Amino acid sequence: MVKLVLADYSGAIEDFTKVLNVSPNNVKALFNRGTAYSKKKEYKKAIVDFDKALSIDPKYYKALINRGICKTQLDQTESAKNDFSTAVSSSPTNGEGYYYRALATLNHVNLVKSDARNAMNMRAIKKNILAQKEACSDFEKAKVYEYAKAYEAIKEYCVGVK
């Protein structure tokens, strides 16, 4: 854990791997090794560890959040939103899940905007507006549960969205 905190991600991965050699179903070691992989931007390896941790403990909130973040980095937006939605369901008073689900929605919005610009597709533009409203609703929920990052996100993404 000290290596992880000190940003020695390779060293942390080695140490967590040693723990997993002795105790292959150690959920915390899987989660922490997955976190170290994600810090190294090795998102596919991180997802493998988060998947295994979640197979042991399906409601592991932080594993859901971190796996969703990794999926977002890999442009697996819908799957990431599913992870964030599951996290919200398991811990509805934690604003973090709402916040990240909103960001994943906005990531999808950016992909839709790109499609709309290229094809002038009105359906994509309507979907874009609905997705922005959905994201802003999640940011508002995150704010209700005092998730600090939500306040700035509302200012950045939701001004003028009705």
N, C-alpha and C. Protein backbone atom coordinates (compact mmCIF):
# COMPACT_ATOMS: atom_id res chain seq x y z
N MET A 1 0.83 -1.20 0.00
CA MET A 1 0.00 0.00 0.00
C MET A 1 0.87 1.25 0.00
N VAL A 2 1.98 1.20 0.72
CA VAL A 2 2.88 2.36 0.75
C VAL A 2 3.41 2.64 -0.65
N LYS A 3 3.78 1.60 -1.37
CA LYS A 3 4.27 1.79 -2.74
C LYS A 3 3.19 2.41 -3.63
N LEU A 4 1.97 1.99 -3.44
CA LEU A 4 0.86 2.55 -4.22
C LEU A 4 0.69 4.04 -3.90
N VAL A 5 0.72 4.37 -2.63
CA VAL A 5 0.58 5.77 -2.21
C VAL A 5 1.75 6.62 -2.70
N LEU A 6 2.94 6.03 -2.73
CA LEU A 6 4.13 6.76 -3.19
C LEU A 6 4.31 6.74 -4.72
N ALA A 7 3.31 6.24 -5.41
CA ALA A 7 3.30 6.19 -6.88
C ALA A 7 4.36 5.26 -7.47
N ASP A 8 4.80 4.27 -6.67
CA ASP A 8 5.66 3.21 -7.20
C ASP A 8 4.74 2.09 -7.65
N TYR A 9 4.08 2.33 -8.77
CA TYR A 9 3.03 1.43 -9.23
C TYR A 9 3.57 0.06 -9.61
N SER A 10 4.72 0.01 -10.24
CA SER A 10 5.31 -1.28 -10.61
C SER A 10 5.65 -2.09 -9.36
N GLY A 11 6.23 -1.42 -8.37
CA GLY A 11 6.54 -2.10 -7.11
C GLY A 11 5.28 -2.58 -6.40
N ALA A 12 4.24 -1.76 -6.43
CA ALA A 12 2.97 -2.15 -5.81
C ALA A 12 2.38 -3.37 -6.52
N ILE A 13 2.45 -3.37 -7.84
CA ILE A 13 1.93 -4.51 -8.61
C ILE A 13 2.68 -5.78 -8.23
N GLU A 14 4.00 -5.69 -8.12
CA GLU A 14 4.80 -6.85 -7.71
C GLU A 14 4.35 -7.36 -6.34
N ASP A 15 4.20 -6.44 -5.40
CA ASP A 15 3.82 -6.84 -4.04
C ASP A 15 2.42 -7.44 -3.99
N PHE A 16 1.46 -6.82 -4.69
CA PHE A 16 0.10 -7.37 -4.68
C PHE A 16 0.06 -8.72 -5.40
N THR A 17 0.89 -8.89 -6.41
CA THR A 17 0.97 -10.17 -7.10
C THR A 17 1.47 -11.25 -6.15
N LYS A 18 2.45 -10.92 -5.31
CA LYS A 18 2.94 -11.88 -4.30
C LYS A 18 1.82 -12.28 -3.34
N VAL A 19 1.04 -11.31 -2.91
CA VAL A 19 -0.10 -11.60 -2.03
C VAL A 19 -1.07 -12.54 -2.74
N LEU A 20 -1.35 -12.26 -4.02
CA LEU A 20 -2.31 -13.06 -4.77
C LEU A 20 -1.79 -14.46 -5.07
N ASN A 21 -0.47 -14.63 -5.12
CA ASN A 21 0.10 -15.97 -5.28
C ASN A 21 -0.21 -16.84 -4.07
N VAL A 22 -0.26 -16.22 -2.90
CA VAL A 22 -0.55 -16.93 -1.65
C VAL A 22 -2.05 -17.03 -1.42
N SER A 23 -2.75 -15.95 -1.78
CA SER A 23 -4.19 -15.87 -1.52
C SER A 23 -4.89 -15.32 -2.77
N PRO A 24 -5.17 -16.19 -3.75
CA PRO A 24 -5.67 -15.74 -5.05
C PRO A 24 -7.02 -15.03 -5.03
N ASN A 25 -7.79 -15.21 -3.98
CA ASN A 25 -9.10 -14.56 -3.90
C ASN A 25 -9.12 -13.40 -2.91
N ASN A 26 -7.95 -12.83 -2.66
CA ASN A 26 -7.87 -11.68 -1.76
C ASN A 26 -8.42 -10.45 -2.50
N VAL A 27 -9.64 -10.08 -2.14
CA VAL A 27 -10.35 -9.02 -2.87
C VAL A 27 -9.61 -7.69 -2.79
N LYS A 28 -9.07 -7.38 -1.64
CA LYS A 28 -8.37 -6.10 -1.50
C LYS A 28 -7.10 -6.07 -2.33
N ALA A 29 -6.38 -7.17 -2.37
CA ALA A 29 -5.16 -7.22 -3.19
C ALA A 29 -5.51 -7.10 -4.67
N LEU A 30 -6.60 -7.76 -5.10
CA LEU A 30 -7.05 -7.63 -6.49
C LEU A 30 -7.42 -6.18 -6.80
N PHE A 31 -8.19 -5.58 -5.90
CA PHE A 31 -8.59 -4.19 -6.10
C PHE A 31 -7.37 -3.26 -6.16
N ASN A 32 -6.47 -3.43 -5.21
CA ASN A 32 -5.30 -2.55 -5.16
C ASN A 32 -4.36 -2.75 -6.35
N ARG A 33 -4.19 -4.00 -6.78
CA ARG A 33 -3.36 -4.23 -7.96
C ARG A 33 -4.04 -3.62 -9.20
N GLY A 34 -5.36 -3.77 -9.29
CA GLY A 34 -6.10 -3.14 -10.37
C GLY A 34 -5.94 -1.64 -10.36
N THR A 35 -5.96 -1.05 -9.19
CA THR A 35 -5.77 0.39 -9.05
C THR A 35 -4.37 0.79 -9.53
N ALA A 36 -3.36 0.00 -9.16
CA ALA A 36 -1.99 0.30 -9.60
C ALA A 36 -1.88 0.19 -11.12
N TYR A 37 -2.51 -0.84 -11.70
CA TYR A 37 -2.50 -0.95 -13.16
C TYR A 37 -3.17 0.26 -13.80
N SER A 38 -4.28 0.70 -13.22
CA SER A 38 -4.98 1.84 -13.82
C SER A 38 -4.15 3.11 -13.71
N LYS A 39 -3.39 3.26 -12.64
CA LYS A 39 -2.51 4.43 -12.50
C LYS A 39 -1.42 4.40 -13.56
N LYS A 40 -1.04 3.20 -14.00
CA LYS A 40 -0.04 3.06 -15.06
C LYS A 40 -0.69 3.13 -16.45
N LYS A 41 -1.98 3.36 -16.47
CA LYS A 41 -2.76 3.43 -17.72
C LYS A 41 -2.81 2.09 -18.44
N GLU A 42 -2.67 1.02 -17.67
CA GLU A 42 -2.82 -0.33 -18.20
C GLU A 42 -4.24 -0.79 -17.88
N TYR A 43 -5.18 -0.18 -18.58
CA TYR A 43 -6.59 -0.31 -18.23
C TYR A 43 -7.13 -1.72 -18.42
N LYS A 44 -6.68 -2.42 -19.45
CA LYS A 44 -7.19 -3.79 -19.67
C LYS A 44 -6.77 -4.72 -18.54
N LYS A 45 -5.53 -4.59 -18.08
CA LYS A 45 -5.07 -5.41 -16.95
C LYS A 45 -5.83 -5.03 -15.68
N ALA A 46 -6.08 -3.74 -15.50
CA ALA A 46 -6.83 -3.29 -14.33
C ALA A 46 -8.23 -3.89 -14.33
N ILE A 47 -8.87 -3.87 -15.49
CA ILE A 47 -10.23 -4.41 -15.59
C ILE A 47 -10.26 -5.89 -15.23
N VAL A 48 -9.25 -6.64 -15.63
CA VAL A 48 -9.18 -8.07 -15.29
C VAL A 48 -9.21 -8.23 -13.77
N ASP A 49 -8.41 -7.42 -13.06
CA ASP A 49 -8.39 -7.51 -11.59
C ASP A 49 -9.71 -7.06 -10.98
N PHE A 50 -10.28 -5.97 -11.49
CA PHE A 50 -11.56 -5.50 -10.96
C PHE A 50 -12.66 -6.54 -11.23
N ASP A 51 -12.62 -7.17 -12.41
CA ASP A 51 -13.59 -8.22 -12.73
C ASP A 51 -13.52 -9.35 -11.71
N LYS A 52 -12.30 -9.78 -11.41
CA LYS A 52 -12.14 -10.89 -10.46
C LYS A 52 -12.60 -10.48 -9.06
N ALA A 53 -12.24 -9.26 -8.65
CA ALA A 53 -12.68 -8.77 -7.33
C ALA A 53 -14.21 -8.73 -7.27
N LEU A 54 -14.84 -8.28 -8.37
CA LEU A 54 -16.30 -8.19 -8.40
C LEU A 54 -16.96 -9.56 -8.52
N SER A 55 -16.26 -10.54 -9.05
CA SER A 55 -16.82 -11.90 -9.08
C SER A 55 -16.88 -12.47 -7.66
N ILE A 56 -15.99 -12.01 -6.81
CA ILE A 56 -15.96 -12.45 -5.42
C ILE A 56 -16.92 -11.62 -4.57
N ASP A 57 -16.92 -10.32 -4.82
CA ASP A 57 -17.79 -9.39 -4.07
C ASP A 57 -18.48 -8.47 -5.07
N PRO A 58 -19.65 -8.87 -5.59
CA PRO A 58 -20.32 -8.12 -6.66
C PRO A 58 -20.73 -6.69 -6.30
N LYS A 59 -20.77 -6.36 -5.03
CA LYS A 59 -21.19 -5.01 -4.63
C LYS A 59 -20.01 -4.17 -4.15
N TYR A 60 -18.80 -4.54 -4.53
CA TYR A 60 -17.60 -3.80 -4.12
C TYR A 60 -17.62 -2.45 -4.84
N TYR A 61 -18.08 -1.45 -4.12
CA TYR A 61 -18.36 -0.13 -4.68
C TYR A 61 -17.16 0.47 -5.40
N LYS A 62 -16.02 0.53 -4.74
CA LYS A 62 -14.84 1.17 -5.35
C LYS A 62 -14.33 0.38 -6.57
N ALA A 63 -14.49 -0.93 -6.56
CA ALA A 63 -14.09 -1.73 -7.73
C ALA A 63 -15.01 -1.39 -8.92
N LEU A 64 -16.30 -1.20 -8.66
CA LEU A 64 -17.22 -0.80 -9.72
C LEU A 64 -16.83 0.57 -10.29
N ILE A 65 -16.55 1.51 -9.40
CA ILE A 65 -16.17 2.86 -9.83
C ILE A 65 -14.88 2.81 -10.65
N ASN A 66 -13.86 2.14 -10.13
CA ASN A 66 -12.57 2.10 -10.82
C ASN A 66 -12.65 1.34 -12.14
N ARG A 67 -13.44 0.26 -12.17
CA ARG A 67 -13.59 -0.47 -13.43
C ARG A 67 -14.31 0.43 -14.45
N GLY A 68 -15.31 1.16 -14.00
CA GLY A 68 -16.01 2.09 -14.89
C GLY A 68 -15.09 3.17 -15.43
N ILE A 69 -14.21 3.67 -14.59
CA ILE A 69 -13.25 4.69 -15.03
C ILE A 69 -12.33 4.10 -16.11
N CYS A 70 -11.85 2.88 -15.88
CA CYS A 70 -10.99 2.23 -16.88
C CYS A 70 -11.73 2.02 -18.19
N LYS A 71 -12.98 1.59 -18.10
CA LYS A 71 -13.77 1.38 -19.32
C LYS A 71 -13.98 2.69 -20.06
N THR A 72 -14.17 3.77 -19.32
CA THR A 72 -14.32 5.08 -19.96
C THR A 72 -13.06 5.43 -20.73
N GLN A 73 -11.91 5.14 -20.12
CA GLN A 73 -10.63 5.42 -20.79
C GLN A 73 -10.48 4.62 -22.08
N LEU A 74 -11.12 3.46 -22.13
CA LEU A 74 -11.05 2.60 -23.31
C LEU A 74 -12.24 2.85 -24.26
N ASP A 75 -12.99 3.92 -24.02
CA ASP A 75 -14.16 4.28 -24.82
C ASP A 75 -15.25 3.21 -24.80
N GLN A 76 -15.36 2.51 -23.69
CA GLN A 76 -16.45 1.55 -23.49
C GLN A 76 -17.52 2.24 -22.64
N THR A 77 -18.06 3.31 -23.18
CA THR A 77 -18.90 4.22 -22.41
C THR A 77 -20.15 3.56 -21.85
N GLU A 78 -20.86 2.82 -22.64
CA GLU A 78 -22.10 2.21 -22.15
C GLU A 78 -21.82 1.21 -21.02
N SER A 79 -20.77 0.42 -21.18
CA SER A 79 -20.41 -0.53 -20.14
C SER A 79 -19.97 0.20 -18.86
N ALA A 80 -19.25 1.31 -19.04
CA ALA A 80 -18.84 2.12 -17.89
C ALA A 80 -20.07 2.67 -17.17
N LYS A 81 -21.03 3.18 -17.94
CA LYS A 81 -22.26 3.70 -17.33
C LYS A 81 -22.99 2.61 -16.54
N ASN A 82 -22.96 1.38 -17.05
CA ASN A 82 -23.57 0.27 -16.30
C ASN A 82 -22.88 0.06 -14.97
N ASP A 83 -21.54 0.13 -14.96
CA ASP A 83 -20.80 -0.01 -13.69
C ASP A 83 -21.17 1.11 -12.72
N PHE A 84 -21.22 2.34 -13.23
CA PHE A 84 -21.56 3.46 -12.36
C PHE A 84 -23.00 3.36 -11.85
N SER A 85 -23.89 2.88 -12.70
CA SER A 85 -25.28 2.69 -12.28
C SER A 85 -25.39 1.62 -11.20
N THR A 86 -24.64 0.54 -11.35
CA THR A 86 -24.63 -0.50 -10.32
C THR A 86 -24.07 0.05 -9.02
N ALA A 87 -23.03 0.88 -9.12
CA ALA A 87 -22.46 1.50 -7.92
C ALA A 87 -23.49 2.41 -7.25
N VAL A 88 -24.21 3.19 -8.04
CA VAL A 88 -25.25 4.07 -7.50
C VAL A 88 -26.33 3.25 -6.81
N SER A 89 -26.71 2.12 -7.41
CA SER A 89 -27.73 1.26 -6.81
C SER A 89 -27.28 0.68 -5.48
N SER A 90 -25.99 0.33 -5.41
CA SER A 90 -25.49 -0.29 -4.17
C SER A 90 -25.19 0.74 -3.08
N SER A 91 -24.97 1.99 -3.47
CA SER A 91 -24.67 3.04 -2.49
C SER A 91 -25.29 4.36 -2.97
N PRO A 92 -26.63 4.47 -2.88
CA PRO A 92 -27.32 5.62 -3.48
C PRO A 92 -27.05 6.96 -2.82
N THR A 93 -26.43 6.98 -1.67
CA THR A 93 -26.13 8.27 -1.03
C THR A 93 -24.67 8.67 -1.19
N ASN A 94 -23.95 7.98 -2.07
CA ASN A 94 -22.57 8.35 -2.34
C ASN A 94 -22.55 9.07 -3.69
N GLY A 95 -22.20 10.33 -3.66
CA GLY A 95 -22.23 11.17 -4.86
C GLY A 95 -21.24 10.78 -5.93
N GLU A 96 -20.19 10.05 -5.59
CA GLU A 96 -19.15 9.69 -6.55
C GLU A 96 -19.71 8.92 -7.75
N GLY A 97 -20.59 7.97 -7.50
CA GLY A 97 -21.17 7.18 -8.58
C GLY A 97 -21.96 8.03 -9.56
N TYR A 98 -22.75 8.96 -9.03
CA TYR A 98 -23.51 9.88 -9.89
C TYR A 98 -22.57 10.73 -10.73
N TYR A 99 -21.53 11.22 -10.08
CA TYR A 99 -20.56 12.09 -10.75
C TYR A 99 -19.93 11.37 -11.95
N TYR A 100 -19.43 10.16 -11.71
CA TYR A 100 -18.75 9.44 -12.79
C TYR A 100 -19.74 8.97 -13.87
N ARG A 101 -20.96 8.65 -13.46
CA ARG A 101 -21.95 8.28 -14.47
C ARG A 101 -22.25 9.48 -15.37
N ALA A 102 -22.31 10.67 -14.78
CA ALA A 102 -22.53 11.87 -15.57
C ALA A 102 -21.38 12.11 -16.53
N LEU A 103 -20.14 11.94 -16.06
CA LEU A 103 -18.99 12.11 -16.95
C LEU A 103 -19.01 11.11 -18.09
N ALA A 104 -19.40 9.86 -17.80
CA ALA A 104 -19.49 8.86 -18.86
C ALA A 104 -20.57 9.26 -19.86
N THR A 105 -21.66 9.80 -19.36
CA THR A 105 -22.72 10.27 -20.25
C THR A 105 -22.20 11.39 -21.14
N LEU A 106 -21.44 12.30 -20.57
CA LEU A 106 -20.89 13.40 -21.36
C LEU A 106 -19.87 12.91 -22.37
N ASN A 107 -19.12 11.88 -22.01
CA ASN A 107 -18.19 11.30 -22.97
C ASN A 107 -18.98 10.79 -24.17
N HIS A 108 -20.10 10.15 -23.89
CA HIS A 108 -20.97 9.66 -24.96
C HIS A 108 -21.53 10.84 -25.77
N VAL A 109 -21.86 11.92 -25.07
CA VAL A 109 -22.35 13.13 -25.73
C VAL A 109 -21.32 13.62 -26.74
N ASN A 110 -20.05 13.62 -26.35
CA ASN A 110 -18.99 14.09 -27.26
C ASN A 110 -18.91 13.21 -28.50
N LEU A 111 -19.11 11.91 -28.34
CA LEU A 111 -19.12 11.02 -29.50
C LEU A 111 -20.32 11.33 -30.39
N VAL A 112 -21.46 11.59 -29.75
CA VAL A 112 -22.67 11.91 -30.51
C VAL A 112 -22.50 13.24 -31.25
N LYS A 113 -21.88 14.22 -30.57
CA LYS A 113 -21.65 15.52 -31.22
C LYS A 113 -20.82 15.34 -32.48
N SER A 114 -19.81 14.50 -32.38
CA SER A 114 -18.96 14.24 -33.53
C SER A 114 -19.78 13.65 -34.68
N ASP A 115 -20.63 12.68 -34.36
CA ASP A 115 -21.51 12.10 -35.38
C ASP A 115 -22.42 13.17 -35.98
N ALA A 116 -22.98 14.01 -35.12
CA ALA A 116 -23.93 15.03 -35.58
C ALA A 116 -23.24 16.01 -36.53
N ARG A 117 -22.03 16.40 -36.19
CA ARG A 117 -21.30 17.33 -37.04
C ARG A 117 -21.02 16.72 -38.41
N ASN A 118 -20.65 15.47 -38.40
CA ASN A 118 -20.29 14.82 -39.65
C ASN A 118 -21.50 14.49 -40.52
N ALA A 119 -22.61 14.10 -39.93
CA ALA A 119 -23.75 13.61 -40.70
C ALA A 119 -24.96 14.54 -40.65
N MET A 120 -24.90 15.60 -39.85
CA MET A 120 -26.05 16.51 -39.68
C MET A 120 -27.29 15.72 -39.30
N ASN A 121 -27.13 14.80 -38.39
CA ASN A 121 -28.19 13.88 -38.00
C ASN A 121 -28.99 14.47 -36.85
N MET A 122 -30.23 14.89 -37.11
CA MET A 122 -31.05 15.52 -36.08
C MET A 122 -31.36 14.58 -34.92
N ARG A 123 -31.51 13.30 -35.21
CA ARG A 123 -31.77 12.35 -34.13
C ARG A 123 -30.60 12.32 -33.15
N ALA A 124 -29.40 12.38 -33.66
CA ALA A 124 -28.21 12.39 -32.80
C ALA A 124 -28.18 13.66 -31.96
N ILE A 125 -28.60 14.77 -32.54
CA ILE A 125 -28.61 16.03 -31.79
C ILE A 125 -29.63 15.96 -30.65
N LYS A 126 -30.82 15.40 -30.91
CA LYS A 126 -31.83 15.24 -29.85
C LYS A 126 -31.30 14.33 -28.75
N LYS A 127 -30.65 13.24 -29.15
CA LYS A 127 -30.06 12.31 -28.16
C LYS A 127 -29.01 13.04 -27.33
N ASN A 128 -28.25 13.91 -27.98
CA ASN A 128 -27.23 14.70 -27.31
C ASN A 128 -27.86 15.56 -26.21
N ILE A 129 -28.95 16.25 -26.53
CA ILE A 129 -29.61 17.12 -25.56
C ILE A 129 -30.12 16.30 -24.38
N LEU A 130 -30.74 15.16 -24.67
CA LEU A 130 -31.24 14.30 -23.59
C LEU A 130 -30.09 13.79 -22.72
N ALA A 131 -28.97 13.44 -23.34
CA ALA A 131 -27.82 12.95 -22.58
C ALA A 131 -27.25 14.06 -21.69
N GLN A 132 -27.22 15.29 -22.18
CA GLN A 132 -26.74 16.40 -21.36
C GLN A 132 -27.64 16.58 -20.14
N LYS A 133 -28.96 16.50 -20.36
CA LYS A 133 -29.90 16.63 -19.24
C LYS A 133 -29.69 15.50 -18.23
N GLU A 134 -29.48 14.29 -18.74
CA GLU A 134 -29.24 13.13 -17.88
C GLU A 134 -27.97 13.33 -17.05
N ALA A 135 -26.92 13.81 -17.70
CA ALA A 135 -25.65 14.05 -17.00
C ALA A 135 -25.82 15.12 -15.93
N CYS A 136 -26.50 16.20 -16.26
CA CYS A 136 -26.68 17.28 -15.30
C CYS A 136 -27.53 16.83 -14.11
N SER A 137 -28.49 15.96 -14.36
CA SER A 137 -29.29 15.40 -13.27
C SER A 137 -28.40 14.60 -12.32
N ASP A 138 -27.48 13.80 -12.89
CA ASP A 138 -26.55 13.03 -12.04
C ASP A 138 -25.59 13.95 -11.28
N PHE A 139 -25.11 15.02 -11.93
CA PHE A 139 -24.25 15.96 -11.22
C PHE A 139 -25.00 16.58 -10.05
N GLU A 140 -26.28 16.91 -10.26
CA GLU A 140 -27.10 17.49 -9.17
C GLU A 140 -27.24 16.50 -8.02
N LYS A 141 -27.44 15.21 -8.34
CA LYS A 141 -27.53 14.18 -7.29
C LYS A 141 -26.21 14.06 -6.55
N ALA A 142 -25.11 14.12 -7.29
CA ALA A 142 -23.79 14.05 -6.65
C ALA A 142 -23.61 15.24 -5.70
N LYS A 143 -24.09 16.39 -6.11
CA LYS A 143 -24.02 17.60 -5.29
C LYS A 143 -24.84 17.44 -4.01
N VAL A 144 -26.03 16.85 -4.13
CA VAL A 144 -26.89 16.62 -2.96
C VAL A 144 -26.15 15.79 -1.92
N TYR A 145 -25.35 14.83 -2.41
CA TYR A 145 -24.61 13.96 -1.49
C TYR A 145 -23.20 14.50 -1.23
N GLU A 146 -23.03 15.80 -1.52
CA GLU A 146 -21.83 16.56 -1.20
C GLU A 146 -20.55 16.00 -1.79
N TYR A 147 -20.64 15.50 -3.02
CA TYR A 147 -19.44 15.06 -3.72
C TYR A 147 -18.81 16.31 -4.33
N ALA A 148 -17.66 16.73 -3.82
CA ALA A 148 -17.07 18.04 -4.10
C ALA A 148 -16.88 18.33 -5.58
N LYS A 149 -16.47 17.36 -6.36
CA LYS A 149 -16.20 17.59 -7.77
C LYS A 149 -17.47 17.96 -8.55
N ALA A 150 -18.62 17.64 -8.00
CA ALA A 150 -19.89 17.90 -8.69
C ALA A 150 -20.13 19.40 -8.86
N TYR A 151 -19.73 20.20 -7.90
CA TYR A 151 -19.99 21.64 -7.96
C TYR A 151 -19.35 22.27 -9.19
N GLU A 152 -18.09 21.95 -9.44
CA GLU A 152 -17.39 22.49 -10.61
C GLU A 152 -17.96 21.91 -11.91
N ALA A 153 -18.31 20.63 -11.87
CA ALA A 153 -18.86 19.99 -13.06
C ALA A 153 -20.17 20.66 -13.48
N ILE A 154 -21.00 21.02 -12.51
CA ILE A 154 -22.26 21.70 -12.82
C ILE A 154 -21.97 23.04 -13.49
N LYS A 155 -21.01 23.77 -12.95
CA LYS A 155 -20.65 25.05 -13.57
C LYS A 155 -20.13 24.86 -14.99
N GLU A 156 -19.33 23.82 -15.18
CA GLU A 156 -18.70 23.60 -16.48
C GLU A 156 -19.65 23.04 -17.53
N TYR A 157 -20.50 22.09 -17.14
CA TYR A 157 -21.29 21.36 -18.12
C TYR A 157 -22.78 21.70 -18.15
N CYS A 158 -23.29 22.32 -17.10
CA CYS A 158 -24.75 22.40 -16.99
C CYS A 158 -25.32 23.82 -17.07
N VAL A 159 -24.50 24.83 -17.19
CA VAL A 159 -25.02 26.18 -17.31
C VAL A 159 -25.80 26.28 -18.62
N GLY A 160 -27.05 26.67 -18.52
CA GLY A 160 -27.90 26.83 -19.70
C GLY A 160 -28.62 25.57 -20.14
N VAL A 161 -28.36 24.43 -19.47
CA VAL A 161 -29.07 23.19 -19.81
C VAL A 161 -30.35 23.15 -19.01
N LYS A 162 -31.48 23.02 -19.71
CA LYS A 162 -32.79 23.03 -19.03
C LYS A 162 -33.42 21.67 -19.07
